[in-house]
Amino acid sequence: MSIKVNLDMMMLKKGISLKDLANEISITNSNLSVLKTGKAKAIRFSTLNDICKALDCQPGDILEYVDDGETTEIL
């Protein structure tokens, strides 16, 4: 199981660049890029809140649960 980040799709849909979004939510371009490419291990709720406010979207528009087909065996 994993979380897929769809930030790039939302940015494209809203017509906002990485640089403009980073400036609007007061985050560095590199930190936003790490999130956008799905390489981030975590995200602060305050950052997620700021992104959703700037893009006028819901957290579920940005983050998606994907079942990798892994099963967990209970012993």
PDB file of N, CA and C in Angstrom:
ATOM      1  N   MET A   1       0.834  -1.176   0.000  1.00  0.00           N
ATOM      2  CA  MET A   1       0.000   0.000   0.000  1.00  0.00           C
ATOM      3  C   MET A   1       0.883   1.246   0.000  1.00  0.00           C
ATOM      4  N   SER A   2       0.405   2.265  -0.666  1.00  0.00           N
ATOM      5  CA  SER A   2       1.174   3.500  -0.716  1.00  0.00           C
ATOM      6  C   SER A   2       0.243   4.676  -0.974  1.00  0.00           C
ATOM      7  N   ILE A   3       0.784   5.840  -0.763  1.00  0.00           N
ATOM      8  CA  ILE A   3       0.050   7.072  -1.016  1.00  0.00           C
ATOM      9  C   ILE A   3       0.624   7.717  -2.267  1.00  0.00           C
ATOM     10  N   LYS A   4      -0.227   7.994  -3.229  1.00  0.00           N
ATOM     11  CA  LYS A   4       0.170   8.648  -4.472  1.00  0.00           C
ATOM     12  C   LYS A   4      -0.139  10.137  -4.346  1.00  0.00           C
ATOM     13  N   VAL A   5       0.805  10.962  -4.751  1.00  0.00           N
ATOM     14  CA  VAL A   5       0.637  12.412  -4.690  1.00  0.00           C
ATOM     15  C   VAL A   5       0.249  12.919  -6.075  1.00  0.00           C
ATOM     16  N   ASN A   6      -0.909  13.542  -6.167  1.00  0.00           N
ATOM     17  CA  ASN A   6      -1.428  14.069  -7.427  1.00  0.00           C
ATOM     18  C   ASN A   6      -1.321  15.586  -7.498  1.00  0.00           C
ATOM     19  N   LEU A   7      -0.354  16.145  -6.806  1.00  0.00           N
ATOM     20  CA  LEU A   7      -0.202  17.598  -6.761  1.00  0.00           C
ATOM     21  C   LEU A   7       0.056  18.174  -8.144  1.00  0.00           C
ATOM     22  N   ASP A   8       0.861  17.493  -8.950  1.00  0.00           N
ATOM     23  CA  ASP A   8       1.161  18.004 -10.287  1.00  0.00           C
ATOM     24  C   ASP A   8      -0.101  18.127 -11.141  1.00  0.00           C
ATOM     25  N   MET A   9      -1.007  17.166 -11.017  1.00  0.00           N
ATOM     26  CA  MET A   9      -2.263  17.216 -11.782  1.00  0.00           C
ATOM     27  C   MET A   9      -3.152  18.367 -11.318  1.00  0.00           C
ATOM     28  N   MET A  10      -3.195  18.600  -9.999  1.00  0.00           N
ATOM     29  CA  MET A  10      -4.014  19.701  -9.484  1.00  0.00           C
ATOM     30  C   MET A  10      -3.425  21.048  -9.893  1.00  0.00           C
ATOM     31  N   MET A  11      -2.109  21.142  -9.892  1.00  0.00           N
ATOM     32  CA  MET A  11      -1.463  22.390 -10.308  1.00  0.00           C
ATOM     33  C   MET A  11      -1.744  22.665 -11.777  1.00  0.00           C
ATOM     34  N   LEU A  12      -1.680  21.639 -12.600  1.00  0.00           N
ATOM     35  CA  LEU A  12      -1.974  21.780 -14.025  1.00  0.00           C
ATOM     36  C   LEU A  12      -3.429  22.191 -14.233  1.00  0.00           C
ATOM     37  N   LYS A  13      -4.321  21.543 -13.504  1.00  0.00           N
ATOM     38  CA  LYS A  13      -5.756  21.836 -13.609  1.00  0.00           C
ATOM     39  C   LYS A  13      -6.055  23.283 -13.222  1.00  0.00           C
ATOM     40  N   LYS A  14      -5.356  23.788 -12.207  1.00  0.00           N
ATOM     41  CA  LYS A  14      -5.587  25.155 -11.724  1.00  0.00           C
ATOM     42  C   LYS A  14      -4.708  26.175 -12.447  1.00  0.00           C
ATOM     43  N   GLY A  15      -3.768  25.693 -13.272  1.00  0.00           N
ATOM     44  CA  GLY A  15      -2.921  26.595 -14.049  1.00  0.00           C
ATOM     45  C   GLY A  15      -1.928  27.386 -13.217  1.00  0.00           C
ATOM     46  N   ILE A  16      -1.343  26.734 -12.221  1.00  0.00           N
ATOM     47  CA  ILE A  16      -0.380  27.406 -11.355  1.00  0.00           C
ATOM     48  C   ILE A  16       0.964  26.677 -11.427  1.00  0.00           C
ATOM     49  N   SER A  17       2.027  27.433 -11.476  1.00  0.00           N
ATOM     50  CA  SER A  17       3.366  26.844 -11.554  1.00  0.00           C
ATOM     51  C   SER A  17       3.873  26.488 -10.158  1.00  0.00           C
ATOM     52  N   LEU A  18       4.901  25.664 -10.134  1.00  0.00           N
ATOM     53  CA  LEU A  18       5.542  25.280  -8.877  1.00  0.00           C
ATOM     54  C   LEU A  18       6.045  26.517  -8.141  1.00  0.00           C
ATOM     55  N   LYS A  19       6.690  27.393  -8.871  1.00  0.00           N
ATOM     56  CA  LYS A  19       7.245  28.604  -8.265  1.00  0.00           C
ATOM     57  C   LYS A  19       6.140  29.482  -7.671  1.00  0.00           C
ATOM     58  N   ASP A  20       5.059  29.664  -8.406  1.00  0.00           N
ATOM     59  CA  ASP A  20       3.960  30.510  -7.912  1.00  0.00           C
ATOM     60  C   ASP A  20       3.280  29.896  -6.694  1.00  0.00           C
ATOM     61  N   LEU A  21       3.056  28.583  -6.727  1.00  0.00           N
ATOM     62  CA  LEU A  21       2.432  27.922  -5.579  1.00  0.00           C
ATOM     63  C   LEU A  21       3.354  27.983  -4.371  1.00  0.00           C
ATOM     64  N   ALA A  22       4.640  27.734  -4.583  1.00  0.00           N
ATOM     65  CA  ALA A  22       5.604  27.793  -3.482  1.00  0.00           C
ATOM     66  C   ALA A  22       5.605  29.179  -2.840  1.00  0.00           C
ATOM     67  N   ASN A  23       5.591  30.209  -3.654  1.00  0.00           N
ATOM     68  CA  ASN A  23       5.546  31.577  -3.123  1.00  0.00           C
ATOM     69  C   ASN A  23       4.258  31.846  -2.363  1.00  0.00           C
ATOM     70  N   GLU A  24       3.138  31.355  -2.902  1.00  0.00           N
ATOM     71  CA  GLU A  24       1.840  31.610  -2.279  1.00  0.00           C
ATOM     72  C   GLU A  24       1.704  30.948  -0.908  1.00  0.00           C
ATOM     73  N   ILE A  25       2.309  29.773  -0.746  1.00  0.00           N
ATOM     74  CA  ILE A  25       2.167  29.066   0.532  1.00  0.00           C
ATOM     75  C   ILE A  25       3.418  29.177   1.397  1.00  0.00           C
ATOM     76  N   SER A  26       4.360  29.999   0.966  1.00  0.00           N
ATOM     77  CA  SER A  26       5.585  30.257   1.736  1.00  0.00           C
ATOM     78  C   SER A  26       6.370  28.986   2.047  1.00  0.00           C
ATOM     79  N   ILE A  27       6.709  28.249   0.994  1.00  0.00           N
ATOM     80  CA  ILE A  27       7.527  27.046   1.101  1.00  0.00           C
ATOM     81  C   ILE A  27       8.592  27.136   0.006  1.00  0.00           C
ATOM     82  N   THR A  28       9.714  26.504   0.214  1.00  0.00           N
ATOM     83  CA  THR A  28      10.758  26.578  -0.810  1.00  0.00           C
ATOM     84  C   THR A  28      10.354  25.761  -2.039  1.00  0.00           C
ATOM     85  N   ASN A  29      10.876  26.165  -3.185  1.00  0.00           N
ATOM     86  CA  ASN A  29      10.616  25.421  -4.419  1.00  0.00           C
ATOM     87  C   ASN A  29      11.064  23.970  -4.282  1.00  0.00           C
ATOM     88  N   SER A  30      12.228  23.770  -3.665  1.00  0.00           N
ATOM     89  CA  SER A  30      12.750  22.407  -3.551  1.00  0.00           C
ATOM     90  C   SER A  30      11.877  21.531  -2.653  1.00  0.00           C
ATOM     91  N   ASN A  31      11.377  22.076  -1.560  1.00  0.00           N
ATOM     92  CA  ASN A  31      10.498  21.286  -0.685  1.00  0.00           C
ATOM     93  C   ASN A  31       9.180  20.954  -1.379  1.00  0.00           C
ATOM     94  N   LEU A  32       8.631  21.908  -2.119  1.00  0.00           N
ATOM     95  CA  LEU A  32       7.394  21.647  -2.844  1.00  0.00           C
ATOM     96  C   LEU A  32       7.635  20.639  -3.966  1.00  0.00           C
ATOM     97  N   SER A  33       8.792  20.698  -4.592  1.00  0.00           N
ATOM     98  CA  SER A  33       9.143  19.752  -5.647  1.00  0.00           C
ATOM     99  C   SER A  33       9.240  18.328  -5.102  1.00  0.00           C
ATOM    100  N   VAL A  34       9.816  18.181  -3.921  1.00  0.00           N
ATOM    101  CA  VAL A  34       9.911  16.861  -3.281  1.00  0.00           C
ATOM    102  C   VAL A  34       8.512  16.293  -3.059  1.00  0.00           C
ATOM    103  N   LEU A  35       7.590  17.121  -2.623  1.00  0.00           N
ATOM    104  CA  LEU A  35       6.216  16.680  -2.417  1.00  0.00           C
ATOM    105  C   LEU A  35       5.555  16.355  -3.757  1.00  0.00           C
ATOM    106  N   LYS A  36       5.724  17.225  -4.728  1.00  0.00           N
ATOM    107  CA  LYS A  36       5.095  17.053  -6.038  1.00  0.00           C
ATOM    108  C   LYS A  36       5.539  15.768  -6.728  1.00  0.00           C
ATOM    109  N   THR A  37       6.795  15.402  -6.579  1.00  0.00           N
ATOM    110  CA  THR A  37       7.307  14.198  -7.234  1.00  0.00           C
ATOM    111  C   THR A  37       7.030  12.922  -6.447  1.00  0.00           C
ATOM    112  N   GLY A  38       6.400  13.056  -5.286  1.00  0.00           N
ATOM    113  CA  GLY A  38       6.052  11.883  -4.485  1.00  0.00           C
ATOM    114  C   GLY A  38       7.197  11.330  -3.674  1.00  0.00           C
ATOM    115  N   LYS A  39       8.267  12.092  -3.525  1.00  0.00           N
ATOM    116  CA  LYS A  39       9.433  11.621  -2.778  1.00  0.00           C
ATOM    117  C   LYS A  39       9.370  11.981  -1.291  1.00  0.00           C
ATOM    118  N   ALA A  40       8.375  12.760  -0.900  1.00  0.00           N
ATOM    119  CA  ALA A  40       8.241  13.171   0.500  1.00  0.00           C
ATOM    120  C   ALA A  40       7.788  11.985   1.344  1.00  0.00           C
ATOM    121  N   LYS A  41       8.304  11.896   2.555  1.00  0.00           N
ATOM    122  CA  LYS A  41       7.911  10.843   3.489  1.00  0.00           C
ATOM    123  C   LYS A  41       6.744  11.276   4.372  1.00  0.00           C
ATOM    124  N   ALA A  42       6.529  12.589   4.458  1.00  0.00           N
ATOM    125  CA  ALA A  42       5.470  13.125   5.310  1.00  0.00           C
ATOM    126  C   ALA A  42       5.100  14.521   4.829  1.00  0.00           C
ATOM    127  N   ILE A  43       3.943  14.992   5.286  1.00  0.00           N
ATOM    128  CA  ILE A  43       3.523  16.358   5.004  1.00  0.00           C
ATOM    129  C   ILE A  43       2.831  16.895   6.257  1.00  0.00           C
ATOM    130  N   ARG A  44       3.126  18.120   6.598  1.00  0.00           N
ATOM    131  CA  ARG A  44       2.467  18.746   7.742  1.00  0.00           C
ATOM    132  C   ARG A  44       1.033  19.096   7.356  1.00  0.00           C
ATOM    133  N   PHE A  45       0.126  18.959   8.301  1.00  0.00           N
ATOM    134  CA  PHE A  45      -1.260  19.336   8.036  1.00  0.00           C
ATOM    135  C   PHE A  45      -1.361  20.813   7.662  1.00  0.00           C
ATOM    136  N   SER A  46      -0.530  21.642   8.260  1.00  0.00           N
ATOM    137  CA  SER A  46      -0.573  23.076   7.939  1.00  0.00           C
ATOM    138  C   SER A  46      -0.172  23.315   6.484  1.00  0.00           C
ATOM    139  N   THR A  47       0.801  22.555   5.982  1.00  0.00           N
ATOM    140  CA  THR A  47       1.204  22.676   4.579  1.00  0.00           C
ATOM    141  C   THR A  47       0.101  22.169   3.669  1.00  0.00           C
ATOM    142  N   LEU A  48      -0.488  21.036   4.022  1.00  0.00           N
ATOM    143  CA  LEU A  48      -1.594  20.489   3.239  1.00  0.00           C
ATOM    144  C   LEU A  48      -2.764  21.465   3.222  1.00  0.00           C
ATOM    145  N   ASN A  49      -3.034  22.076   4.350  1.00  0.00           N
ATOM    146  CA  ASN A  49      -4.092  23.075   4.443  1.00  0.00           C
ATOM    147  C   ASN A  49      -3.813  24.252   3.509  1.00  0.00           C
ATOM    148  N   ASP A  50      -2.585  24.744   3.519  1.00  0.00           N
ATOM    149  CA  ASP A  50      -2.212  25.881   2.677  1.00  0.00           C
ATOM    150  C   ASP A  50      -2.310  25.535   1.189  1.00  0.00           C
ATOM    151  N   ILE A  51      -1.898  24.326   0.831  1.00  0.00           N
ATOM    152  CA  ILE A  51      -1.986  23.883  -0.563  1.00  0.00           C
ATOM    153  C   ILE A  51      -3.450  23.801  -0.995  1.00  0.00           C
ATOM    154  N   CYS A  52      -4.284  23.201  -0.160  1.00  0.00           N
ATOM    155  CA  CYS A  52      -5.707  23.075  -0.488  1.00  0.00           C
ATOM    156  C   CYS A  52      -6.372  24.440  -0.616  1.00  0.00           C
ATOM    157  N   LYS A  53      -6.002  25.359   0.247  1.00  0.00           N
ATOM    158  CA  LYS A  53      -6.564  26.712   0.180  1.00  0.00           C
ATOM    159  C   LYS A  53      -6.127  27.399  -1.113  1.00  0.00           C
ATOM    160  N   ALA A  54      -4.853  27.291  -1.453  1.00  0.00           N
ATOM    161  CA  ALA A  54      -4.324  27.949  -2.646  1.00  0.00           C
ATOM    162  C   ALA A  54      -4.901  27.357  -3.930  1.00  0.00           C
ATOM    163  N   LEU A  55      -5.118  26.037  -3.939  1.00  0.00           N
ATOM    164  CA  LEU A  55      -5.628  25.374  -5.138  1.00  0.00           C
ATOM    165  C   LEU A  55      -7.148  25.192  -5.126  1.00  0.00           C
ATOM    166  N   ASP A  56      -7.789  25.625  -4.037  1.00  0.00           N
ATOM    167  CA  ASP A  56      -9.235  25.484  -3.873  1.00  0.00           C
ATOM    168  C   ASP A  56      -9.662  24.027  -4.127  1.00  0.00           C
ATOM    169  N   CYS A  57      -9.060  23.130  -3.331  1.00  0.00           N
ATOM    170  CA  CYS A  57      -9.346  21.708  -3.492  1.00  0.00           C
ATOM    171  C   CYS A  57      -9.402  21.032  -2.127  1.00  0.00           C
ATOM    172  N   GLN A  58      -9.651  19.743  -2.144  1.00  0.00           N
ATOM    173  CA  GLN A  58      -9.710  18.928  -0.935  1.00  0.00           C
ATOM    174  C   GLN A  58      -8.438  18.081  -0.837  1.00  0.00           C
ATOM    175  N   PRO A  59      -8.053  17.642   0.370  1.00  0.00           N
ATOM    176  CA  PRO A  59      -6.866  16.797   0.512  1.00  0.00           C
ATOM    177  C   PRO A  59      -6.920  15.555  -0.376  1.00  0.00           C
ATOM    178  N   GLY A  60      -8.094  14.993  -0.560  1.00  0.00           N
ATOM    179  CA  GLY A  60      -8.256  13.809  -1.403  1.00  0.00           C
ATOM    180  C   GLY A  60      -7.993  14.072  -2.876  1.00  0.00           C
ATOM    181  N   ASP A  61      -8.017  15.341  -3.276  1.00  0.00           N
ATOM    182  CA  ASP A  61      -7.672  15.691  -4.653  1.00  0.00           C
ATOM    183  C   ASP A  61      -6.163  15.614  -4.867  1.00  0.00           C
ATOM    184  N   ILE A  62      -5.411  15.713  -3.781  1.00  0.00           N
ATOM    185  CA  ILE A  62      -3.954  15.744  -3.844  1.00  0.00           C
ATOM    186  C   ILE A  62      -3.351  14.397  -3.459  1.00  0.00           C
ATOM    187  N   LEU A  63      -3.920  13.741  -2.456  1.00  0.00           N
ATOM    188  CA  LEU A  63      -3.398  12.474  -1.948  1.00  0.00           C
ATOM    189  C   LEU A  63      -4.359  11.344  -2.259  1.00  0.00           C
ATOM    190  N   GLU A  64      -3.815  10.222  -2.720  1.00  0.00           N
ATOM    191  CA  GLU A  64      -4.632   9.075  -3.106  1.00  0.00           C
ATOM    192  C   GLU A  64      -4.003   7.797  -2.565  1.00  0.00           C
ATOM    193  N   TYR A  65      -4.806   6.966  -1.949  1.00  0.00           N
ATOM    194  CA  TYR A  65      -4.340   5.665  -1.468  1.00  0.00           C
ATOM    195  C   TYR A  65      -4.346   4.685  -2.633  1.00  0.00           C
ATOM    196  N   VAL A  66      -3.240   3.963  -2.815  1.00  0.00           N
ATOM    197  CA  VAL A  66      -3.128   2.972  -3.878  1.00  0.00           C
ATOM    198  C   VAL A  66      -2.752   1.640  -3.252  1.00  0.00           C
ATOM    199  N   ASP A  67      -3.546   0.631  -3.506  1.00  0.00           N
ATOM    200  CA  ASP A  67      -3.255  -0.719  -3.007  1.00  0.00           C
ATOM    201  C   ASP A  67      -2.265  -1.365  -3.959  1.00  0.00           C
ATOM    202  N   ASP A  68      -1.070  -1.650  -3.469  1.00  0.00           N
ATOM    203  CA  ASP A  68      -0.017  -2.244  -4.284  1.00  0.00           C
ATOM    204  C   ASP A  68      -0.191  -3.749  -4.474  1.00  0.00           C
ATOM    205  N   GLY A  69      -1.252  -4.292  -3.914  1.00  0.00           N
ATOM    206  CA  GLY A  69      -1.460  -5.729  -4.008  1.00  0.00           C
ATOM    207  C   GLY A  69      -0.771  -6.507  -2.914  1.00  0.00           C
ATOM    208  N   GLU A  70      -0.122  -5.799  -1.989  1.00  0.00           N
ATOM    209  CA  GLU A  70       0.534  -6.465  -0.877  1.00  0.00           C
ATOM    210  C   GLU A  70      -0.505  -6.971   0.107  1.00  0.00           C
ATOM    211  N   THR A  71      -0.250  -8.120   0.660  1.00  0.00           N
ATOM    212  CA  THR A  71      -1.133  -8.640   1.691  1.00  0.00           C
ATOM    213  C   THR A  71      -0.346  -8.762   2.973  1.00  0.00           C
ATOM    214  N   THR A  72      -1.016  -8.533   4.054  1.00  0.00           N
ATOM    215  CA  THR A  72      -0.399  -8.656   5.368  1.00  0.00           C
ATOM    216  C   THR A  72      -0.914  -9.928   6.013  1.00  0.00           C
ATOM    217  N   GLU A  73      -0.017 -10.813   6.333  1.00  0.00           N
ATOM    218  CA  GLU A  73      -0.394 -12.083   6.946  1.00  0.00           C
ATOM    219  C   GLU A  73      -0.425 -11.908   8.461  1.00  0.00           C
ATOM    220  N   ILE A  74      -1.524 -12.301   9.049  1.00  0.00           N
ATOM    221  CA  ILE A  74      -1.672 -12.240  10.501  1.00  0.00           C
ATOM    222  C   ILE A  74      -1.341 -13.631  11.056  1.00  0.00           C
ATOM    223  N   LEU A  75      -0.385 -13.658  11.969  1.00  0.00           N
ATOM    224  CA  LEU A  75       0.020 -14.935  12.565  1.00  0.00           C
ATOM    225  C   LEU A  75      -0.725 -15.209  13.830  1.00  0.00           C
TER     226      LEU A  75
END
